[in-house]
Amino acid sequence: MAKTFKSFVKEYSMGLQVPAMSFMKPTASMNLQAKKKLKPELKEVVHKFMTGHDLTLNGKKHDKIEVEVTGTDNANRKYQLTILSPKELTGKKVSVSAKFMERGKWTKTDTSKHNK
């Protein structure tokens, strides 16, 4: 005897296996929640004072640029930097992407020589 559509829906929604449709999983066992992408916080990757090596800024290549990380923008994944050296760029504020800071030639600045 053939089942009516109403009885089929009732059995399927209760989580019962229908013999003709045994390959289908009951809806109760399905995980329907979307997975969240986890992004690391930006402050964990970069230090307060950083030194960039062989960087180009405003069309001019610099061997070494020392910066201070003054802020982070987690929504746009950017860092706000203030340039400390070279002298012609001192005090300039720049916004840099997190990818550039993580993948570029950046090292932690040795501040012991500056504190003397």
Protein backbone atom coordinates (compact mmCIF):
# COMPACT_ATOMS: atom_id res chain seq x y z
CA MET A 1 0.00 0.00 0.00
CA ALA A 2 1.38 3.41 -0.99
CA LYS A 3 1.87 6.04 1.65
CA THR A 4 0.26 9.43 1.41
CA PHE A 5 2.41 12.48 1.26
CA LYS A 6 1.14 13.63 4.64
CA SER A 7 2.14 10.40 6.37
CA PHE A 8 5.53 10.43 4.63
CA VAL A 9 6.26 13.97 5.87
CA LYS A 10 5.12 13.07 9.37
CA GLU A 11 7.40 10.00 9.57
CA TYR A 12 10.37 11.82 8.06
CA SER A 13 10.05 14.85 10.33
CA MET A 14 9.95 12.59 13.39
CA GLY A 15 13.29 11.11 12.35
CA LEU A 16 12.00 7.72 11.29
CA GLN A 17 13.67 5.99 8.36
CA VAL A 18 11.42 5.40 5.41
CA PRO A 19 12.41 2.10 3.71
CA ALA A 20 12.26 3.47 0.17
CA MET A 21 14.32 6.48 1.21
CA SER A 22 16.78 4.77 3.55
CA PHE A 23 19.72 6.72 2.09
CA MET A 24 18.31 9.96 3.53
CA LYS A 25 19.31 10.99 7.04
CA PRO A 26 16.71 12.16 9.53
CA THR A 27 16.63 15.92 9.95
CA ALA A 28 17.21 15.63 13.70
CA SER A 29 20.77 14.38 13.15
CA MET A 30 21.75 17.12 10.69
CA ASN A 31 23.94 19.98 11.91
CA LEU A 32 22.39 23.01 10.23
CA GLN A 33 24.37 25.73 12.01
CA ALA A 34 26.88 27.67 9.96
CA LYS A 35 30.52 27.35 11.00
CA LYS A 36 32.25 30.55 12.05
CA LYS A 37 35.63 31.49 10.67
CA LEU A 38 38.03 32.23 13.46
CA LYS A 39 40.49 35.03 12.87
CA PRO A 40 43.38 35.59 15.23
CA GLU A 41 43.50 38.92 17.00
CA LEU A 42 45.90 41.24 15.26
CA LYS A 43 47.77 42.23 18.43
CA GLU A 44 49.14 38.71 18.92
CA VAL A 45 51.26 38.78 15.77
CA VAL A 46 53.00 42.17 15.88
CA HIS A 47 55.05 43.85 18.62
CA LYS A 48 54.81 47.47 19.80
CA PHE A 49 58.01 48.52 18.00
CA MET A 50 58.91 46.90 14.66
CA THR A 51 61.64 47.35 12.07
CA GLY A 52 60.95 46.81 8.37
CA HIS A 53 63.82 45.90 6.07
CA ASP A 54 64.10 46.81 2.35
CA LEU A 55 60.70 48.56 2.17
CA THR A 56 59.42 51.00 -0.42
CA LEU A 57 57.43 54.03 0.74
CA ASN A 58 56.26 56.84 -1.58
CA GLY A 59 58.36 55.42 -4.43
CA LYS A 60 61.62 55.48 -2.47
CA LYS A 61 63.30 52.33 -1.19
CA HIS A 62 64.52 52.37 2.42
CA ASP A 63 66.95 49.87 3.92
CA LYS A 64 65.40 50.12 7.37
CA ILE A 65 62.20 51.74 8.66
CA GLU A 66 61.43 51.70 12.39
CA VAL A 67 57.76 52.03 13.33
CA GLU A 68 55.56 52.08 16.40
CA VAL A 69 52.24 50.21 16.21
CA THR A 70 49.73 52.75 17.55
CA GLY A 71 46.48 50.92 16.85
CA THR A 72 44.66 48.07 15.18
CA ASP A 73 41.55 47.85 13.04
CA ASN A 74 40.29 44.27 13.43
CA ALA A 75 37.31 44.75 11.11
CA ASN A 76 39.50 45.76 8.16
CA ARG A 77 42.57 43.77 9.37
CA LYS A 78 44.91 46.78 9.32
CA TYR A 79 47.51 48.27 11.65
CA GLN A 80 48.00 51.98 12.28
CA LEU A 81 51.71 52.80 12.38
CA THR A 82 53.74 55.88 13.27
CA ILE A 83 57.15 56.02 11.60
CA LEU A 84 60.08 56.70 13.96
CA SER A 85 63.01 56.59 11.51
CA PRO A 86 64.41 57.56 8.93
CA LYS A 87 64.35 61.27 9.82
CA GLU A 88 62.57 62.43 6.64
CA LEU A 89 59.58 60.19 7.49
CA THR A 90 59.50 60.68 11.28
CA GLY A 91 56.01 61.26 12.66
CA LYS A 92 54.17 60.14 9.53
CA LYS A 93 51.11 57.98 10.24
CA VAL A 94 50.48 55.04 7.92
CA SER A 95 47.82 52.32 7.75
CA VAL A 96 49.20 48.91 6.73
CA SER A 97 47.41 45.62 6.03
CA ALA A 98 47.94 42.68 8.37
CA LYS A 99 49.12 40.49 5.48
CA PHE A 100 51.95 42.92 4.73
CA MET A 101 53.06 42.96 8.38
CA GLU A 102 52.87 39.17 8.74
CA ARG A 103 54.53 38.24 5.44
CA GLY A 104 57.00 41.08 4.98
CA LYS A 105 60.54 41.43 6.27
CA TRP A 106 59.66 42.68 9.74
CA THR A 107 61.58 42.12 12.97
CA LYS A 108 61.06 43.24 16.54
CA THR A 109 63.01 46.45 17.21
CA ASP A 110 65.81 46.16 19.73
CA THR A 111 64.78 48.93 22.15
CA SER A 112 67.68 48.36 24.56
CA LYS A 113 69.94 50.66 22.53
CA HIS A 114 67.30 53.43 22.50
CA ASN A 115 66.74 53.44 26.28
CA LYS A 116 70.34 54.44 27.12
